[in-house]
Amino acid sequence: MTVRHGSKAGRMHLVVHLLPDATRASEPEVGFVVSRGVGSAVVRNRVKRRLRHLMRSHMERLPAGCRVVVRALPPAGDAPTVALEADLEAALHRAGAW
């Protein structure tokens, strides 16, 4: 639902889908999609861990009740953490998270 109906912002290493929901008063929900195109299972799990860690610092800035899906693109497997962080920040901003 978030991917289909939410706003989308893409960067070189990832795409962020954001669906604000003012009717929900709960904490924001975040999901990650890392396909086989990113790399082996070890690489995919490493990318998920890095994205999860980077997303923690942005959770308090997200609107209450929103849903976010972060989809890693194939270049994310080789990307340094600094590049992932910059892309995540820019994509969240462009998607309208703040």
N, C-alpha and C. Protein backbone atom coordinates (compact mmCIF):
# COMPACT_ATOMS: atom_id res chain seq x y z
N MET A 1 0.81 -1.18 0.00
CA MET A 1 0.00 0.00 0.00
C MET A 1 0.87 1.26 0.00
N THR A 2 1.93 1.26 0.79
CA THR A 2 2.81 2.42 0.86
C THR A 2 3.52 2.64 -0.47
N VAL A 3 3.98 1.57 -1.08
CA VAL A 3 4.69 1.70 -2.35
C VAL A 3 3.75 2.16 -3.45
N ARG A 4 2.54 1.67 -3.43
CA ARG A 4 1.59 1.98 -4.49
C ARG A 4 0.97 3.38 -4.35
N HIS A 5 0.66 3.79 -3.12
CA HIS A 5 -0.09 5.04 -2.92
C HIS A 5 0.72 6.18 -2.31
N GLY A 6 1.91 5.91 -1.83
CA GLY A 6 2.69 6.94 -1.16
C GLY A 6 3.53 7.76 -2.12
N SER A 7 4.15 8.80 -1.59
CA SER A 7 5.06 9.60 -2.40
C SER A 7 6.39 8.86 -2.51
N LYS A 8 7.12 9.12 -3.59
CA LYS A 8 8.34 8.37 -3.86
C LYS A 8 9.46 9.34 -4.18
N ALA A 9 10.65 9.03 -3.68
CA ALA A 9 11.83 9.83 -4.00
C ALA A 9 13.00 8.88 -4.17
N GLY A 10 13.67 8.97 -5.29
CA GLY A 10 14.78 8.08 -5.58
C GLY A 10 16.11 8.80 -5.57
N ARG A 11 17.12 8.08 -5.19
CA ARG A 11 18.49 8.56 -5.21
C ARG A 11 19.34 7.46 -5.86
N MET A 12 20.63 7.61 -5.89
CA MET A 12 21.49 6.66 -6.57
C MET A 12 21.48 5.27 -5.93
N HIS A 13 21.42 5.22 -4.60
CA HIS A 13 21.54 3.94 -3.89
C HIS A 13 20.23 3.40 -3.35
N LEU A 14 19.19 4.24 -3.28
CA LEU A 14 17.94 3.77 -2.69
C LEU A 14 16.75 4.60 -3.14
N VAL A 15 15.57 4.05 -2.89
CA VAL A 15 14.31 4.73 -3.16
C VAL A 15 13.50 4.70 -1.87
N VAL A 16 12.90 5.84 -1.53
CA VAL A 16 12.08 5.93 -0.32
C VAL A 16 10.63 6.17 -0.73
N HIS A 17 9.74 5.36 -0.18
CA HIS A 17 8.30 5.53 -0.36
C HIS A 17 7.73 5.95 0.99
N LEU A 18 6.92 7.02 0.99
CA LEU A 18 6.38 7.56 2.23
C LEU A 18 4.87 7.73 2.10
N LEU A 19 4.14 7.18 3.08
CA LEU A 19 2.69 7.31 3.11
C LEU A 19 2.29 7.89 4.45
N PRO A 20 1.99 9.20 4.51
CA PRO A 20 1.52 9.79 5.77
C PRO A 20 0.10 9.34 6.06
N ASP A 21 -0.20 9.12 7.32
CA ASP A 21 -1.53 8.70 7.73
C ASP A 21 -1.89 9.42 9.02
N ALA A 22 -2.63 10.50 8.89
CA ALA A 22 -2.97 11.33 10.05
C ALA A 22 -3.97 10.65 10.98
N THR A 23 -4.65 9.62 10.50
CA THR A 23 -5.64 8.95 11.34
C THR A 23 -4.99 8.02 12.36
N ARG A 24 -3.76 7.62 12.12
CA ARG A 24 -3.05 6.75 13.05
C ARG A 24 -2.20 7.60 13.98
N ALA A 25 -2.30 7.38 15.25
CA ALA A 25 -1.53 8.15 16.23
C ALA A 25 -0.34 7.35 16.75
N SER A 26 0.02 6.31 16.05
CA SER A 26 1.11 5.46 16.51
C SER A 26 2.45 5.96 15.99
N GLU A 27 3.48 5.27 16.39
CA GLU A 27 4.82 5.61 15.92
C GLU A 27 4.95 5.28 14.44
N PRO A 28 5.88 5.93 13.74
CA PRO A 28 6.09 5.61 12.33
C PRO A 28 6.54 4.16 12.15
N GLU A 29 6.15 3.56 11.04
CA GLU A 29 6.56 2.20 10.72
C GLU A 29 7.50 2.26 9.52
N VAL A 30 8.58 1.49 9.59
CA VAL A 30 9.59 1.48 8.53
C VAL A 30 9.84 0.05 8.10
N GLY A 31 9.90 -0.16 6.79
CA GLY A 31 10.23 -1.46 6.23
C GLY A 31 11.35 -1.31 5.22
N PHE A 32 12.09 -2.38 5.00
CA PHE A 32 13.23 -2.36 4.08
C PHE A 32 13.07 -3.45 3.04
N VAL A 33 13.41 -3.14 1.80
CA VAL A 33 13.39 -4.10 0.70
C VAL A 33 14.78 -4.11 0.09
N VAL A 34 15.42 -5.28 0.16
CA VAL A 34 16.75 -5.44 -0.42
C VAL A 34 16.70 -6.70 -1.27
N SER A 35 16.68 -6.53 -2.58
CA SER A 35 16.51 -7.67 -3.49
C SER A 35 17.85 -8.35 -3.77
N ARG A 36 17.78 -9.47 -4.47
CA ARG A 36 18.97 -10.23 -4.83
C ARG A 36 19.90 -9.46 -5.75
N GLY A 37 19.38 -8.48 -6.43
CA GLY A 37 20.21 -7.66 -7.31
C GLY A 37 21.27 -6.88 -6.58
N VAL A 38 21.08 -6.69 -5.29
CA VAL A 38 22.05 -5.94 -4.48
C VAL A 38 23.31 -6.77 -4.24
N GLY A 39 23.15 -8.07 -4.12
CA GLY A 39 24.31 -8.93 -3.89
C GLY A 39 23.92 -10.22 -3.20
N SER A 40 24.93 -10.88 -2.68
CA SER A 40 24.72 -12.15 -1.98
C SER A 40 23.96 -11.91 -0.67
N ALA A 41 23.59 -12.99 0.00
CA ALA A 41 22.85 -12.87 1.25
C ALA A 41 23.63 -12.08 2.29
N VAL A 42 24.93 -12.27 2.32
CA VAL A 42 25.77 -11.54 3.27
C VAL A 42 25.72 -10.04 2.99
N VAL A 43 25.83 -9.68 1.72
CA VAL A 43 25.79 -8.26 1.33
C VAL A 43 24.42 -7.67 1.59
N ARG A 44 23.35 -8.41 1.26
CA ARG A 44 21.99 -7.90 1.49
C ARG A 44 21.73 -7.66 2.97
N ASN A 45 22.14 -8.60 3.81
CA ASN A 45 21.95 -8.42 5.26
C ASN A 45 22.77 -7.26 5.80
N ARG A 46 23.97 -7.07 5.27
CA ARG A 46 24.80 -5.95 5.70
C ARG A 46 24.14 -4.63 5.32
N VAL A 47 23.59 -4.56 4.11
CA VAL A 47 22.90 -3.34 3.66
C VAL A 47 21.68 -3.07 4.55
N LYS A 48 20.91 -4.12 4.86
CA LYS A 48 19.73 -3.94 5.74
C LYS A 48 20.15 -3.43 7.12
N ARG A 49 21.19 -3.99 7.68
CA ARG A 49 21.66 -3.55 9.00
C ARG A 49 22.10 -2.10 8.96
N ARG A 50 22.83 -1.72 7.91
CA ARG A 50 23.29 -0.34 7.80
C ARG A 50 22.12 0.63 7.64
N LEU A 51 21.15 0.27 6.79
CA LEU A 51 19.98 1.13 6.60
C LEU A 51 19.15 1.24 7.88
N ARG A 52 18.99 0.13 8.59
CA ARG A 52 18.24 0.14 9.85
C ARG A 52 18.93 1.08 10.85
N HIS A 53 20.24 0.99 10.93
CA HIS A 53 20.99 1.85 11.84
C HIS A 53 20.84 3.33 11.45
N LEU A 54 20.94 3.62 10.18
CA LEU A 54 20.81 5.01 9.72
C LEU A 54 19.40 5.54 9.94
N MET A 55 18.41 4.70 9.78
CA MET A 55 17.01 5.12 9.92
C MET A 55 16.67 5.46 11.37
N ARG A 56 17.34 4.82 12.32
CA ARG A 56 17.05 5.09 13.74
C ARG A 56 17.20 6.57 14.09
N SER A 57 18.18 7.23 13.50
CA SER A 57 18.41 8.64 13.83
C SER A 57 17.34 9.55 13.23
N HIS A 58 16.56 9.05 12.27
CA HIS A 58 15.52 9.87 11.63
C HIS A 58 14.13 9.58 12.17
N MET A 59 13.97 8.59 13.02
CA MET A 59 12.63 8.18 13.47
C MET A 59 11.89 9.30 14.21
N GLU A 60 12.58 10.06 15.04
CA GLU A 60 11.89 11.10 15.81
C GLU A 60 11.43 12.26 14.93
N ARG A 61 12.02 12.40 13.75
CA ARG A 61 11.64 13.49 12.85
C ARG A 61 10.47 13.12 11.94
N LEU A 62 10.16 11.83 11.83
CA LEU A 62 9.08 11.40 10.96
C LEU A 62 7.73 11.74 11.58
N PRO A 63 6.73 12.06 10.75
CA PRO A 63 5.41 12.35 11.29
C PRO A 63 4.79 11.11 11.93
N ALA A 64 4.00 11.32 12.96
CA ALA A 64 3.34 10.20 13.65
C ALA A 64 2.41 9.47 12.69
N GLY A 65 2.44 8.16 12.76
CA GLY A 65 1.54 7.34 11.98
C GLY A 65 1.94 7.10 10.54
N CYS A 66 3.04 7.68 10.09
CA CYS A 66 3.42 7.49 8.69
C CYS A 66 4.06 6.11 8.49
N ARG A 67 4.07 5.69 7.25
CA ARG A 67 4.71 4.43 6.88
C ARG A 67 5.79 4.75 5.84
N VAL A 68 6.96 4.14 6.02
CA VAL A 68 8.09 4.37 5.14
C VAL A 68 8.61 3.03 4.65
N VAL A 69 8.88 2.93 3.36
CA VAL A 69 9.54 1.76 2.79
C VAL A 69 10.82 2.26 2.14
N VAL A 70 11.95 1.68 2.53
CA VAL A 70 13.24 2.01 1.96
C VAL A 70 13.66 0.83 1.09
N ARG A 71 13.79 1.08 -0.21
CA ARG A 71 14.17 0.03 -1.16
C ARG A 71 15.59 0.28 -1.63
N ALA A 72 16.48 -0.66 -1.33
CA ALA A 72 17.88 -0.53 -1.74
C ALA A 72 18.02 -0.91 -3.21
N LEU A 73 18.80 -0.14 -3.94
CA LEU A 73 19.09 -0.41 -5.34
C LEU A 73 20.42 -1.15 -5.44
N PRO A 74 20.72 -1.80 -6.56
CA PRO A 74 21.96 -2.58 -6.67
C PRO A 74 23.25 -1.86 -6.28
N PRO A 75 23.42 -0.56 -6.58
CA PRO A 75 24.67 0.10 -6.15
C PRO A 75 24.84 0.19 -4.63
N ALA A 76 23.79 -0.05 -3.86
CA ALA A 76 23.88 0.06 -2.40
C ALA A 76 24.80 -1.00 -1.81
N GLY A 77 24.99 -2.11 -2.50
CA GLY A 77 25.85 -3.18 -1.99
C GLY A 77 27.29 -2.75 -1.82
N ASP A 78 27.77 -1.86 -2.68
CA ASP A 78 29.17 -1.40 -2.63
C ASP A 78 29.31 -0.01 -2.02
N ALA A 79 28.21 0.63 -1.67
CA ALA A 79 28.24 2.02 -1.24
C ALA A 79 28.78 2.17 0.18
N PRO A 80 29.57 3.21 0.42
CA PRO A 80 29.99 3.49 1.80
C PRO A 80 28.82 4.01 2.61
N THR A 81 28.91 3.88 3.91
CA THR A 81 27.82 4.29 4.80
C THR A 81 27.51 5.78 4.65
N VAL A 82 28.52 6.59 4.41
CA VAL A 82 28.32 8.03 4.25
C VAL A 82 27.42 8.32 3.05
N ALA A 83 27.62 7.59 1.96
CA ALA A 83 26.80 7.79 0.77
C ALA A 83 25.36 7.33 1.02
N LEU A 84 25.19 6.20 1.71
CA LEU A 84 23.85 5.74 2.05
C LEU A 84 23.13 6.73 2.95
N GLU A 85 23.85 7.29 3.90
CA GLU A 85 23.26 8.27 4.82
C GLU A 85 22.81 9.52 4.07
N ALA A 86 23.65 10.01 3.16
CA ALA A 86 23.31 11.21 2.39
C ALA A 86 22.10 10.94 1.49
N ASP A 87 22.06 9.78 0.85
CA ASP A 87 20.93 9.44 0.00
C ASP A 87 19.65 9.27 0.80
N LEU A 88 19.74 8.64 1.96
CA LEU A 88 18.56 8.45 2.80
C LEU A 88 18.00 9.79 3.26
N GLU A 89 18.87 10.66 3.72
CA GLU A 89 18.45 11.99 4.18
C GLU A 89 17.78 12.77 3.04
N ALA A 90 18.40 12.78 1.87
CA ALA A 90 17.86 13.53 0.75
C ALA A 90 16.53 12.93 0.26
N ALA A 91 16.45 11.61 0.21
CA ALA A 91 15.23 10.96 -0.27
C ALA A 91 14.07 11.19 0.70
N LEU A 92 14.34 11.11 2.00
CA LEU A 92 13.28 11.37 2.99
C LEU A 92 12.78 12.82 2.85
N HIS A 93 13.71 13.73 2.65
CA HIS A 93 13.34 15.13 2.51
C HIS A 93 12.49 15.33 1.24
N ARG A 94 12.91 14.75 0.12
CA ARG A 94 12.18 14.90 -1.13
C ARG A 94 10.82 14.22 -1.10
N ALA A 95 10.70 13.13 -0.34
CA ALA A 95 9.43 12.41 -0.25
C ALA A 95 8.44 13.15 0.63
N GLY A 96 8.91 14.13 1.39
CA GLY A 96 8.02 14.93 2.21
C GLY A 96 7.94 14.51 3.66
N ALA A 97 8.99 13.84 4.15
CA ALA A 97 8.98 13.42 5.54
C ALA A 97 9.10 14.61 6.48
N TRP A 98 9.75 15.68 6.03
CA TRP A 98 9.86 16.91 6.83
C TRP A 98 10.10 18.09 5.94
